[in-house]
Amino acid sequence: MKERAARALEAAGIVLTPAERESIEIADFGLGDFERYGLAILVYVNTDRVCAKELVMLPHQICPEHRHPPVGDDPGKEETFRCRTGLVHLHVDGYDEVTLRPGDQFTIPPDTLHSFRAGAEGAIITEFSTRSRDELDVFSDPRIVR
């Protein structure tokens, strides 16, 4: 799966170093059904203030509903998704479904429930956000382990 994600990124014109190829995370959220629920994640940077990632999704793959809760004085992660390839169907609490096409972007406020699904061709999403604390994400499905 790492190699498949790396090839998709390179096909989209995103150049990867050998270390980046190796660092791609395959997240199945503990559900054991990566083809349906999951993401391939490449983290470029994640500091106390900013984070930048590439998210690679297979056709119709889903990132389950979750939120990024407050941590201490931090209100929670704010993230902007920018679609690079394919279609992304965002479900964000308080909004109608948002469909992102290449070049479209959407910002999700902190501590807001959201999920997203790739279209028929899969998708690549660039995520720009405040600090990422994936291990603290709160998922609506109690079976999910991050």
Protein backbone atom coordinates (compact mmCIF):
# COMPACT_ATOMS: atom_id res chain seq x y z
CA MET A 1 0.00 0.00 0.00
CA LYS A 2 2.87 2.38 0.71
CA GLU A 3 4.23 1.82 -2.79
CA ARG A 4 0.78 2.28 -4.33
CA ALA A 5 0.39 5.61 -2.48
CA ALA A 6 3.89 6.73 -3.53
CA ARG A 7 3.12 5.94 -7.17
CA ALA A 8 -0.15 7.91 -6.97
CA LEU A 9 1.67 10.93 -5.51
CA GLU A 10 4.36 10.77 -8.18
CA ALA A 11 1.73 10.43 -10.93
CA ALA A 12 0.23 13.67 -9.58
CA GLY A 13 3.60 15.39 -10.01
CA ILE A 14 4.55 15.30 -6.33
CA VAL A 15 8.24 14.48 -5.97
CA LEU A 16 9.14 12.27 -3.01
CA THR A 17 12.47 11.70 -1.35
CA PRO A 18 13.37 8.12 -0.41
CA ALA A 19 12.76 9.01 3.26
CA GLU A 20 9.30 10.37 2.44
CA ARG A 21 8.39 7.21 0.50
CA GLU A 22 9.38 5.14 3.50
CA SER A 23 7.52 7.35 6.00
CA ILE A 24 4.08 7.00 4.36
CA GLU A 25 1.65 5.78 7.02
CA ILE A 26 -1.10 3.34 6.13
CA ALA A 27 -4.02 4.02 8.48
CA ASP A 28 -6.92 1.55 8.59
CA PHE A 29 -8.29 2.99 11.84
CA GLY A 30 -8.15 -0.44 13.45
CA LEU A 31 -11.08 -1.64 11.35
CA GLY A 32 -9.05 -4.08 9.23
CA ASP A 33 -10.75 -2.99 5.99
CA PHE A 34 -8.27 -0.56 4.42
CA GLU A 35 -9.87 -0.71 0.95
CA ARG A 36 -13.07 0.77 2.46
CA TYR A 37 -11.90 2.74 5.51
CA GLY A 38 -8.47 4.28 5.48
CA LEU A 39 -5.88 6.72 4.26
CA ALA A 40 -2.27 6.75 3.21
CA ILE A 41 -0.65 9.71 4.97
CA LEU A 42 2.60 11.49 4.20
CA VAL A 43 3.54 14.09 6.82
CA TYR A 44 5.92 16.77 5.57
CA VAL A 45 6.03 18.80 8.77
CA ASN A 46 4.25 18.78 12.13
CA THR A 47 5.45 21.34 14.65
CA ASP A 48 3.82 23.01 17.64
CA ARG A 49 2.24 25.51 15.23
CA VAL A 50 1.78 24.01 11.75
CA CYS A 51 1.30 20.74 9.91
CA ALA A 52 1.36 19.80 6.21
CA LYS A 53 0.37 16.38 4.84
CA GLU A 54 -0.64 14.53 1.71
CA LEU A 55 -3.62 12.20 2.06
CA VAL A 56 -3.97 9.49 -0.58
CA MET A 57 -7.32 7.74 -0.90
CA LEU A 58 -8.39 4.73 -2.94
CA PRO A 59 -11.61 4.84 -4.99
CA HIS A 60 -14.63 5.37 -2.70
CA GLN A 61 -12.41 5.05 0.40
CA ILE A 62 -13.75 6.73 3.54
CA CYS A 63 -12.09 8.58 6.39
CA PRO A 64 -14.64 7.99 9.19
CA GLU A 65 -16.37 10.76 11.12
CA HIS A 66 -14.17 12.37 13.75
CA ARG A 67 -13.20 15.65 15.35
CA HIS A 68 -10.01 17.25 16.61
CA PRO A 69 -10.78 18.24 20.23
CA PRO A 70 -9.29 21.05 22.30
CA VAL A 71 -6.06 20.30 24.13
CA GLY A 72 -5.29 22.63 27.03
CA ASP A 73 -5.46 26.21 25.70
CA ASP A 74 -5.43 24.97 22.07
CA PRO A 75 -8.96 24.96 20.55
CA GLY A 76 -8.18 21.86 18.46
CA LYS A 77 -6.78 21.37 15.00
CA GLU A 78 -8.05 23.63 12.22
CA GLU A 79 -7.41 22.05 8.83
CA THR A 80 -7.68 23.11 5.23
CA PHE A 81 -8.12 20.39 2.61
CA ARG A 82 -7.03 21.17 -0.95
CA CYS A 83 -7.98 18.59 -3.55
CA ARG A 84 -5.11 17.72 -5.90
CA THR A 85 -6.61 14.82 -7.89
CA GLY A 86 -9.98 13.09 -8.08
CA LEU A 87 -13.05 14.13 -6.13
CA VAL A 88 -13.47 14.42 -2.37
CA HIS A 89 -16.90 14.44 -0.74
CA LEU A 90 -16.68 16.23 2.62
CA HIS A 91 -19.32 15.88 5.31
CA VAL A 92 -18.81 18.64 7.85
CA ASP A 93 -21.15 19.25 10.79
CA GLY A 94 -23.21 22.36 10.10
CA TYR A 95 -22.62 22.34 6.32
CA ASP A 96 -24.22 20.70 3.31
CA GLU A 97 -22.03 18.08 1.62
CA VAL A 98 -19.05 19.80 0.03
CA THR A 99 -17.51 18.25 -3.08
CA LEU A 100 -13.93 19.25 -3.77
CA ARG A 101 -12.49 19.00 -7.27
CA PRO A 102 -8.82 19.57 -8.14
CA GLY A 103 -7.91 23.09 -7.05
CA ASP A 104 -10.84 23.42 -4.60
CA GLN A 105 -10.23 23.77 -0.91
CA PHE A 106 -12.24 23.91 2.31
CA THR A 107 -11.30 24.82 5.89
CA ILE A 108 -12.71 22.76 8.75
CA PRO A 109 -12.96 24.61 12.08
CA PRO A 110 -11.46 23.11 15.23
CA ASP A 111 -13.45 20.49 17.16
CA THR A 112 -15.93 20.02 14.26
CA LEU A 113 -17.25 16.59 13.32
CA HIS A 114 -16.30 15.67 9.77
CA SER A 115 -15.72 12.73 7.45
CA PHE A 116 -14.72 12.46 3.83
CA ARG A 117 -14.90 10.01 0.96
CA ALA A 118 -12.96 9.77 -2.28
CA GLY A 119 -14.73 9.64 -5.62
CA ALA A 120 -14.59 6.81 -8.15
CA GLU A 121 -10.98 7.52 -9.17
CA GLY A 122 -9.60 7.93 -5.66
CA ALA A 123 -8.15 11.25 -4.54
CA ILE A 124 -5.11 13.09 -3.29
CA ILE A 125 -5.68 15.82 -0.73
CA THR A 126 -3.10 18.23 0.59
CA GLU A 127 -3.83 19.11 4.21
CA PHE A 128 -2.58 22.35 5.74
CA SER A 129 -3.37 22.66 9.44
CA THR A 130 -2.42 23.73 12.88
CA ARG A 131 -0.55 21.15 14.95
CA SER A 132 -1.73 17.59 14.36
CA ARG A 133 -2.32 15.28 17.30
CA ASP A 134 -3.83 12.31 15.45
CA GLU A 135 -3.66 10.11 18.54
CA LEU A 136 -6.17 12.42 20.28
CA ASP A 137 -8.76 12.49 17.46
CA VAL A 138 -12.24 11.53 18.67
CA PHE A 139 -14.10 9.19 16.30
CA SER A 140 -17.86 8.68 16.32
CA ASP A 141 -17.40 4.92 15.84
CA PRO A 142 -16.11 3.50 19.16
CA ARG A 143 -14.39 0.59 17.33
CA ILE A 144 -11.88 2.96 15.75
CA VAL A 145 -8.36 3.02 17.11
CA ARG A 146 -5.90 5.63 15.88
